[in-house]
Amino acid sequence: MALTLSIVIPTWNEEPLVADAVECARAVADEVIVVDGGSPDRTVEEARRAGAVLVMAPKGRGPQLREGARRASGDVLLFLHADARLASHARDAILSAMADPAVVGGAFYIRFLPRSWFTKFLEPANDLRRRVTKRYYGDTGIFVRASVYRALGGHRPWKVMHDYEFSGRLEAAGPCVYIRDSCVWADARRFEGREIRTLLTWMLVQSLYRLGAPPRWLSPLYPDVRGYLPERFIRLARERIGRPPP
């Protein structure tokens, strides 16, 4: 029997992006769940209009991902940010990997849009870190067997480092697949115009976490800062994944 795939998308004030995120995710998944943290904009309405299963949860990606996974019905769970898009053959790549019953999960190679000097540095740096440390973040499109996710206890209910911590437990649970011939395209909006500052912030947060700092102390160091040119990202991403403009 074929495996089914559920995509869980956590949102907070993603009105300009969420409908496109859901539409693109529905092209590869059997179920798309948007878990909103109480956005004051029209994120919830746009997600419903696009055909997502709408779930509410306390704000914070950790709690939101946990609740989305609890409600998901798929055999495989894939956690995807609202500002990320899967390559067109991502479903085939996931299900091919999971056809091996020993494989517990994995993640994708990540690329950023628009292209810049910083993305040309960041992508291979992320690739190297992933292969050396066996740790990765949620923007890489982490996927996992639903049974394994529940056996592991899911994501910690943290606002930051929940994905990094979970990836370590996932890698320890069994063989994981790093899909490099397909990728996730992510929006570069967070660090445009603040590339060096963002890089130093990432390094600081990760270093403090590895030294034992509680995630609740680290959350203020990683504020919810984002530039907004959603139409640009949607256009560029659709060009890459081969979908017509909305």
C-alpha atoms as a PDB file:
ATOM      1  CA  MET A   1       0.000   0.000   0.000  1.00  0.00           C
ATOM      2  CA  ALA A   2       1.340   3.449  -0.983  1.00  0.00           C
ATOM      3  CA  LEU A   3       2.496   5.760   1.787  1.00  0.00           C
ATOM      4  CA  THR A   4       0.564   8.994   2.294  1.00  0.00           C
ATOM      5  CA  LEU A   5       2.200  12.363   2.913  1.00  0.00           C
ATOM      6  CA  SER A   6       0.995  15.156   5.216  1.00  0.00           C
ATOM      7  CA  ILE A   7       2.615  18.604   5.067  1.00  0.00           C
ATOM      8  CA  VAL A   8       2.460  20.763   8.198  1.00  0.00           C
ATOM      9  CA  ILE A   9       2.972  24.528   7.745  1.00  0.00           C
ATOM     10  CA  PRO A  10       3.284  26.744  10.862  1.00  0.00           C
ATOM     11  CA  THR A  11       2.218  30.359  10.283  1.00  0.00           C
ATOM     12  CA  TRP A  12       2.315  33.754  11.899  1.00  0.00           C
ATOM     13  CA  ASN A  13       1.264  36.798   9.845  1.00  0.00           C
ATOM     14  CA  GLU A  14       1.815  35.059   6.501  1.00  0.00           C
ATOM     15  CA  GLU A  15      -1.226  36.488   4.697  1.00  0.00           C
ATOM     16  CA  PRO A  16       0.718  37.369   1.508  1.00  0.00           C
ATOM     17  CA  LEU A  17       2.324  33.922   1.208  1.00  0.00           C
ATOM     18  CA  VAL A  18       0.114  31.293   2.793  1.00  0.00           C
ATOM     19  CA  ALA A  19      -2.376  30.687  -0.048  1.00  0.00           C
ATOM     20  CA  ASP A  20       0.454  30.095  -2.513  1.00  0.00           C
ATOM     21  CA  ALA A  21       2.254  27.914   0.038  1.00  0.00           C
ATOM     22  CA  VAL A  22      -0.836  25.743   0.464  1.00  0.00           C
ATOM     23  CA  GLU A  23      -1.526  25.504  -3.273  1.00  0.00           C
ATOM     24  CA  CYS A  24       2.048  24.428  -4.032  1.00  0.00           C
ATOM     25  CA  ALA A  25       2.106  21.983  -1.105  1.00  0.00           C
ATOM     26  CA  ARG A  26      -1.183  20.388  -2.194  1.00  0.00           C
ATOM     27  CA  ALA A  27       0.457  19.521  -5.502  1.00  0.00           C
ATOM     28  CA  VAL A  28       2.766  17.067  -3.718  1.00  0.00           C
ATOM     29  CA  ALA A  29       0.918  16.067  -0.518  1.00  0.00           C
ATOM     30  CA  ASP A  30      -2.192  14.101   0.368  1.00  0.00           C
ATOM     31  CA  GLU A  31      -2.967  16.510   3.203  1.00  0.00           C
ATOM     32  CA  VAL A  32      -1.848  20.078   3.970  1.00  0.00           C
ATOM     33  CA  ILE A  33      -2.273  21.370   7.508  1.00  0.00           C
ATOM     34  CA  VAL A  34      -1.717  25.030   8.377  1.00  0.00           C
ATOM     35  CA  VAL A  35      -1.147  25.610  12.084  1.00  0.00           C
ATOM     36  CA  ASP A  36      -1.617  29.264  12.947  1.00  0.00           C
ATOM     37  CA  GLY A  37      -0.398  30.913  16.109  1.00  0.00           C
ATOM     38  CA  GLY A  38      -3.183  33.501  16.309  1.00  0.00           C
ATOM     39  CA  SER A  39      -2.173  35.810  13.463  1.00  0.00           C
ATOM     40  CA  PRO A  40      -3.948  39.189  13.589  1.00  0.00           C
ATOM     41  CA  ASP A  41      -3.915  39.456   9.791  1.00  0.00           C
ATOM     42  CA  ARG A  42      -5.868  37.302   7.295  1.00  0.00           C
ATOM     43  CA  THR A  43      -3.554  34.281   7.370  1.00  0.00           C
ATOM     44  CA  VAL A  44      -6.302  31.983   8.667  1.00  0.00           C
ATOM     45  CA  GLU A  45      -8.838  33.063   6.056  1.00  0.00           C
ATOM     46  CA  GLU A  46      -6.322  32.737   3.213  1.00  0.00           C
ATOM     47  CA  ALA A  47      -5.250  29.273   4.384  1.00  0.00           C
ATOM     48  CA  ARG A  48      -8.847  28.061   4.515  1.00  0.00           C
ATOM     49  CA  ARG A  49      -9.599  29.558   1.105  1.00  0.00           C
ATOM     50  CA  ALA A  50      -6.622  27.700  -0.381  1.00  0.00           C
ATOM     51  CA  GLY A  51      -7.931  24.366   0.920  1.00  0.00           C
ATOM     52  CA  ALA A  52      -5.735  23.695   3.953  1.00  0.00           C
ATOM     53  CA  VAL A  53      -6.854  21.938   7.104  1.00  0.00           C
ATOM     54  CA  LEU A  54      -6.719  24.815   9.619  1.00  0.00           C
ATOM     55  CA  VAL A  55      -5.463  24.196  13.164  1.00  0.00           C
ATOM     56  CA  MET A  56      -4.834  26.762  15.905  1.00  0.00           C
ATOM     57  CA  ALA A  57      -2.047  26.510  18.479  1.00  0.00           C
ATOM     58  CA  PRO A  58      -0.066  28.735  20.856  1.00  0.00           C
ATOM     59  CA  LYS A  59       2.390  30.923  18.942  1.00  0.00           C
ATOM     60  CA  GLY A  60       5.825  29.385  18.453  1.00  0.00           C
ATOM     61  CA  ARG A  61       6.984  26.978  15.796  1.00  0.00           C
ATOM     62  CA  GLY A  62       7.661  24.179  18.286  1.00  0.00           C
ATOM     63  CA  PRO A  63       4.131  24.147  19.770  1.00  0.00           C
ATOM     64  CA  GLN A  64       2.574  24.726  16.346  1.00  0.00           C
ATOM     65  CA  LEU A  65       4.444  21.845  14.724  1.00  0.00           C
ATOM     66  CA  ARG A  66       3.525  19.511  17.577  1.00  0.00           C
ATOM     67  CA  GLU A  67      -0.167  20.321  17.218  1.00  0.00           C
ATOM     68  CA  GLY A  68      -0.084  19.988  13.442  1.00  0.00           C
ATOM     69  CA  ALA A  69       1.607  16.596  13.676  1.00  0.00           C
ATOM     70  CA  ARG A  70      -0.951  15.470  16.257  1.00  0.00           C
ATOM     71  CA  ARG A  71      -3.753  16.247  13.811  1.00  0.00           C
ATOM     72  CA  ALA A  72      -2.053  14.822  10.706  1.00  0.00           C
ATOM     73  CA  SER A  73      -3.252  11.559   9.180  1.00  0.00           C
ATOM     74  CA  GLY A  74      -0.370  10.816   6.787  1.00  0.00           C
ATOM     75  CA  ASP A  75       2.154   7.983   7.089  1.00  0.00           C
ATOM     76  CA  VAL A  76       4.941  10.520   6.513  1.00  0.00           C
ATOM     77  CA  LEU A  77       5.031  14.029   7.966  1.00  0.00           C
ATOM     78  CA  LEU A  78       6.858  16.890   6.267  1.00  0.00           C
ATOM     79  CA  PHE A  79       7.346  20.195   8.076  1.00  0.00           C
ATOM     80  CA  LEU A  80       7.505  23.170   5.721  1.00  0.00           C
ATOM     81  CA  HIS A  81       7.771  26.910   6.287  1.00  0.00           C
ATOM     82  CA  ALA A  82       5.290  29.241   4.600  1.00  0.00           C
ATOM     83  CA  ASP A  83       8.155  30.925   2.767  1.00  0.00           C
ATOM     84  CA  ALA A  84       9.528  27.689   1.294  1.00  0.00           C
ATOM     85  CA  ARG A  85       8.544  25.697  -1.779  1.00  0.00           C
ATOM     86  CA  LEU A  86       9.265  22.080  -2.656  1.00  0.00           C
ATOM     87  CA  ALA A  87      10.829  21.095  -5.948  1.00  0.00           C
ATOM     88  CA  SER A  88       8.351  19.441  -8.313  1.00  0.00           C
ATOM     89  CA  HIS A  89       9.676  15.914  -7.805  1.00  0.00           C
ATOM     90  CA  ALA A  90       9.973  16.191  -4.004  1.00  0.00           C
ATOM     91  CA  ARG A  91       7.118  13.752  -3.353  1.00  0.00           C
ATOM     92  CA  ASP A  92       8.703  11.060  -5.514  1.00  0.00           C
ATOM     93  CA  ALA A  93      12.047  11.636  -3.800  1.00  0.00           C
ATOM     94  CA  ILE A  94      10.527  11.301  -0.316  1.00  0.00           C
ATOM     95  CA  LEU A  95       8.443   8.221  -1.057  1.00  0.00           C
ATOM     96  CA  SER A  96      11.346   6.569  -2.860  1.00  0.00           C
ATOM     97  CA  ALA A  97      13.532   7.134   0.192  1.00  0.00           C
ATOM     98  CA  MET A  98      10.854   5.914   2.591  1.00  0.00           C
ATOM     99  CA  ALA A  99      10.281   2.755   0.551  1.00  0.00           C
ATOM    100  CA  ASP A 100      13.190   1.400   2.569  1.00  0.00           C
ATOM    101  CA  PRO A 101      11.498   0.464   5.886  1.00  0.00           C
ATOM    102  CA  ALA A 102      14.723   1.142   7.781  1.00  0.00           C
ATOM    103  CA  VAL A 103      14.718   4.842   6.852  1.00  0.00           C
ATOM    104  CA  VAL A 104      13.145   7.013   9.553  1.00  0.00           C
ATOM    105  CA  GLY A 105      13.247  10.421   7.872  1.00  0.00           C
ATOM    106  CA  GLY A 106      15.479  13.085   6.423  1.00  0.00           C
ATOM    107  CA  ALA A 107      15.688  16.541   4.892  1.00  0.00           C
ATOM    108  CA  PHE A 108      16.449  18.386   1.655  1.00  0.00           C
ATOM    109  CA  TYR A 109      19.257  20.468   0.258  1.00  0.00           C
ATOM    110  CA  ILE A 110      18.156  24.086   0.666  1.00  0.00           C
ATOM    111  CA  ARG A 111      18.501  26.904  -1.850  1.00  0.00           C
ATOM    112  CA  PHE A 112      17.447  30.539  -1.484  1.00  0.00           C
ATOM    113  CA  LEU A 113      15.662  33.088  -3.660  1.00  0.00           C
ATOM    114  CA  PRO A 114      16.559  35.620  -4.858  1.00  0.00           C
ATOM    115  CA  ARG A 115      20.110  34.580  -5.669  1.00  0.00           C
ATOM    116  CA  SER A 116      22.907  36.732  -4.211  1.00  0.00           C
ATOM    117  CA  TRP A 117      26.531  36.606  -3.074  1.00  0.00           C
ATOM    118  CA  PHE A 118      25.281  35.601   0.374  1.00  0.00           C
ATOM    119  CA  THR A 119      23.145  32.695  -0.851  1.00  0.00           C
ATOM    120  CA  LYS A 120      26.104  31.433  -2.884  1.00  0.00           C
ATOM    121  CA  PHE A 121      28.040  31.261   0.388  1.00  0.00           C
ATOM    122  CA  LEU A 122      25.186  30.105   2.602  1.00  0.00           C
ATOM    123  CA  GLU A 123      23.981  27.130   0.564  1.00  0.00           C
ATOM    124  CA  PRO A 124      27.276  25.188   0.495  1.00  0.00           C
ATOM    125  CA  ALA A 125      27.915  26.185   4.126  1.00  0.00           C
ATOM    126  CA  ASN A 126      24.558  24.689   5.132  1.00  0.00           C
ATOM    127  CA  ASP A 127      25.331  21.624   3.045  1.00  0.00           C
ATOM    128  CA  LEU A 128      28.672  21.142   4.802  1.00  0.00           C
ATOM    129  CA  ARG A 129      27.161  21.614   8.267  1.00  0.00           C
ATOM    130  CA  ARG A 130      24.410  19.115   7.500  1.00  0.00           C
ATOM    131  CA  ARG A 131      26.835  16.442   6.330  1.00  0.00           C
ATOM    132  CA  VAL A 132      29.360  16.987   9.152  1.00  0.00           C
ATOM    133  CA  THR A 133      27.115  17.560  12.181  1.00  0.00           C
ATOM    134  CA  LYS A 134      23.989  15.595  11.106  1.00  0.00           C
ATOM    135  CA  ARG A 135      21.913  18.536  12.363  1.00  0.00           C
ATOM    136  CA  TYR A 136      19.624  20.782  10.339  1.00  0.00           C
ATOM    137  CA  TYR A 137      16.912  23.388  10.646  1.00  0.00           C
ATOM    138  CA  GLY A 138      13.242  23.442   9.714  1.00  0.00           C
ATOM    139  CA  ASP A 139      13.750  25.407   6.506  1.00  0.00           C
ATOM    140  CA  THR A 140      15.334  22.283   4.991  1.00  0.00           C
ATOM    141  CA  GLY A 141      11.960  20.526   4.845  1.00  0.00           C
ATOM    142  CA  ILE A 142      12.375  17.888   7.558  1.00  0.00           C
ATOM    143  CA  PHE A 143      10.324  14.746   6.928  1.00  0.00           C
ATOM    144  CA  VAL A 144       9.761  11.754   9.204  1.00  0.00           C
ATOM    145  CA  ARG A 145       7.600   8.662   9.503  1.00  0.00           C
ATOM    146  CA  ALA A 146       4.588   9.591  11.619  1.00  0.00           C
ATOM    147  CA  SER A 147       5.145   6.541  13.831  1.00  0.00           C
ATOM    148  CA  VAL A 148       8.759   7.555  14.460  1.00  0.00           C
ATOM    149  CA  TYR A 149       7.787  11.163  15.173  1.00  0.00           C
ATOM    150  CA  ARG A 150       5.332  10.068  17.835  1.00  0.00           C
ATOM    151  CA  ALA A 151       7.731   7.529  19.322  1.00  0.00           C
ATOM    152  CA  LEU A 152      10.331  10.300  19.656  1.00  0.00           C
ATOM    153  CA  GLY A 153       7.849  12.610  21.386  1.00  0.00           C
ATOM    154  CA  GLY A 154       7.809  15.140  18.544  1.00  0.00           C
ATOM    155  CA  HIS A 155       9.316  18.603  18.603  1.00  0.00           C
ATOM    156  CA  ARG A 156      10.093  20.249  21.901  1.00  0.00           C
ATOM    157  CA  PRO A 157       7.591  23.080  22.551  1.00  0.00           C
ATOM    158  CA  TRP A 158      10.248  25.755  22.006  1.00  0.00           C
ATOM    159  CA  LYS A 159      10.160  28.888  19.864  1.00  0.00           C
ATOM    160  CA  VAL A 160      13.739  28.396  18.666  1.00  0.00           C
ATOM    161  CA  MET A 161      16.097  25.420  18.263  1.00  0.00           C
ATOM    162  CA  HIS A 162      13.160  22.968  18.269  1.00  0.00           C
ATOM    163  CA  ASP A 163      14.077  21.802  14.758  1.00  0.00           C
ATOM    164  CA  TYR A 164      17.814  21.610  15.417  1.00  0.00           C
ATOM    165  CA  GLU A 165      17.205  19.556  18.564  1.00  0.00           C
ATOM    166  CA  PHE A 166      14.668  17.299  16.856  1.00  0.00           C
ATOM    167  CA  SER A 167      16.990  16.584  13.938  1.00  0.00           C
ATOM    168  CA  GLY A 168      19.563  15.237  16.399  1.00  0.00           C
ATOM    169  CA  ARG A 169      17.069  12.797  17.883  1.00  0.00           C
ATOM    170  CA  LEU A 170      15.834  11.848  14.417  1.00  0.00           C
ATOM    171  CA  GLU A 171      19.355  11.058  13.200  1.00  0.00           C
ATOM    172  CA  ALA A 172      19.949   8.936  16.317  1.00  0.00           C
ATOM    173  CA  ALA A 173      16.706   7.002  15.753  1.00  0.00           C
ATOM    174  CA  GLY A 174      17.812   5.357  12.512  1.00  0.00           C
ATOM    175  CA  PRO A 175      19.021   5.932   8.954  1.00  0.00           C
ATOM    176  CA  CYS A 176      18.086   9.338   7.526  1.00  0.00           C
ATOM    177  CA  VAL A 177      18.166  10.439   3.892  1.00  0.00           C
ATOM    178  CA  TYR A 178      19.651  13.708   2.684  1.00  0.00           C
ATOM    179  CA  ILE A 179      17.940  14.492  -0.617  1.00  0.00           C
ATOM    180  CA  ARG A 180      20.326  16.586  -2.689  1.00  0.00           C
ATOM    181  CA  ASP A 181      19.008  15.987  -6.206  1.00  0.00           C
ATOM    182  CA  SER A 182      15.759  17.718  -5.241  1.00  0.00           C
ATOM    183  CA  CYS A 183      15.575  20.736  -3.005  1.00  0.00           C
ATOM    184  CA  VAL A 184      13.570  23.220  -1.005  1.00  0.00           C
ATOM    185  CA  TRP A 185      13.549  26.799  -2.303  1.00  0.00           C
ATOM    186  CA  ALA A 186      13.345  29.284   0.581  1.00  0.00           C
ATOM    187  CA  ASP A 187      12.807  33.043   0.666  1.00  0.00           C
ATOM    188  CA  ALA A 188      15.921  35.079   1.446  1.00  0.00           C
ATOM    189  CA  ARG A 189      13.783  37.862   2.942  1.00  0.00           C
ATOM    190  CA  ARG A 190      14.982  37.339   6.501  1.00  0.00           C
ATOM    191  CA  PHE A 191      18.582  38.278   5.857  1.00  0.00           C
ATOM    192  CA  GLU A 192      18.443  40.622   2.858  1.00  0.00           C
ATOM    193  CA  GLY A 193      20.217  43.846   3.809  1.00  0.00           C
ATOM    194  CA  ARG A 194      21.361  42.319   7.108  1.00  0.00           C
ATOM    195  CA  GLU A 195      23.445  39.376   5.882  1.00  0.00           C
ATOM    196  CA  ILE A 196      26.403  39.661   8.245  1.00  0.00           C
ATOM    197  CA  ARG A 197      24.216  40.524  11.240  1.00  0.00           C
ATOM    198  CA  THR A 198      22.014  37.489  10.569  1.00  0.00           C
ATOM    199  CA  LEU A 199      25.002  35.170  10.168  1.00  0.00           C
ATOM    200  CA  LEU A 200      26.519  36.371  13.454  1.00  0.00           C
ATOM    201  CA  THR A 201      23.148  35.981  15.199  1.00  0.00           C
ATOM    202  CA  TRP A 202      22.822  32.394  13.942  1.00  0.00           C
ATOM    203  CA  MET A 203      26.350  31.610  15.144  1.00  0.00           C
ATOM    204  CA  LEU A 204      25.690  33.158  18.563  1.00  0.00           C
ATOM    205  CA  VAL A 205      22.361  31.375  19.120  1.00  0.00           C
ATOM    206  CA  GLN A 206      23.727  28.017  18.027  1.00  0.00           C
ATOM    207  CA  SER A 207      26.866  28.393  20.156  1.00  0.00           C
ATOM    208  CA  LEU A 208      24.914  29.373  23.269  1.00  0.00           C
ATOM    209  CA  TYR A 209      22.524  26.469  22.739  1.00  0.00           C
ATOM    210  CA  ARG A 210      25.394  23.998  22.441  1.00  0.00           C
ATOM    211  CA  LEU A 211      26.851  25.454  25.642  1.00  0.00           C
ATOM    212  CA  GLY A 212      23.594  24.652  27.439  1.00  0.00           C
ATOM    213  CA  ALA A 213      21.628  27.912  27.336  1.00  0.00           C
ATOM    214  CA  PRO A 214      17.865  27.287  27.666  1.00  0.00           C
ATOM    215  CA  PRO A 215      15.953  27.974  24.428  1.00  0.00           C
ATOM    216  CA  ARG A 216      13.692  30.456  26.245  1.00  0.00           C
ATOM    217  CA  TRP A 217      16.780  32.638  26.785  1.00  0.00           C
ATOM    218  CA  LEU A 218      17.709  32.421  23.121  1.00  0.00           C
ATOM    219  CA  SER A 219      14.355  33.383  21.615  1.00  0.00           C
ATOM    220  CA  PRO A 220      14.813  37.173  22.159  1.00  0.00           C
ATOM    221  CA  LEU A 221      18.118  36.964  20.277  1.00  0.00           C
ATOM    222  CA  TYR A 222      16.289  35.769  17.163  1.00  0.00           C
ATOM    223  CA  PRO A 223      13.497  38.317  16.613  1.00  0.00           C
ATOM    224  CA  ASP A 224      10.702  37.940  14.082  1.00  0.00           C
ATOM    225  CA  VAL A 225      12.342  40.164  11.471  1.00  0.00           C
ATOM    226  CA  ARG A 226      11.408  39.787   7.816  1.00  0.00           C
ATOM    227  CA  GLY A 227      11.449  41.876   4.716  1.00  0.00           C
ATOM    228  CA  TYR A 228       8.334  41.571   2.590  1.00  0.00           C
ATOM    229  CA  LEU A 229       8.371  41.216  -1.160  1.00  0.00           C
ATOM    230  CA  PRO A 230       6.063  38.174  -1.351  1.00  0.00           C
ATOM    231  CA  GLU A 231       5.139  38.610  -5.011  1.00  0.00           C
ATOM    232  CA  ARG A 232       8.823  38.441  -5.964  1.00  0.00           C
ATOM    233  CA  PHE A 233       9.406  35.206  -4.047  1.00  0.00           C
ATOM    234  CA  ILE A 234       6.222  33.605  -5.385  1.00  0.00           C
ATOM    235  CA  ARG A 235       7.216  34.456  -8.959  1.00  0.00           C
ATOM    236  CA  LEU A 236      10.806  33.240  -8.577  1.00  0.00           C
ATOM    237  CA  ALA A 237       9.822  30.068  -6.735  1.00  0.00           C
ATOM    238  CA  ARG A 238       7.173  29.115  -9.269  1.00  0.00           C
ATOM    239  CA  GLU A 239       9.729  29.513 -12.032  1.00  0.00           C
ATOM    240  CA  ARG A 240      12.019  27.074 -10.228  1.00  0.00           C
ATOM    241  CA  ILE A 241       9.387  24.450  -9.427  1.00  0.00           C
ATOM    242  CA  GLY A 242       7.706  24.653 -12.821  1.00  0.00           C
ATOM    243  CA  ARG A 243       4.289  25.946 -11.764  1.00  0.00           C
ATOM    244  CA  PRO A 244       2.432  28.675 -13.678  1.00  0.00           C
ATOM    245  CA  PRO A 245       1.975  32.089 -12.038  1.00  0.00           C
ATOM    246  CA  PRO A 246      -1.068  32.413  -9.742  1.00  0.00           C
END
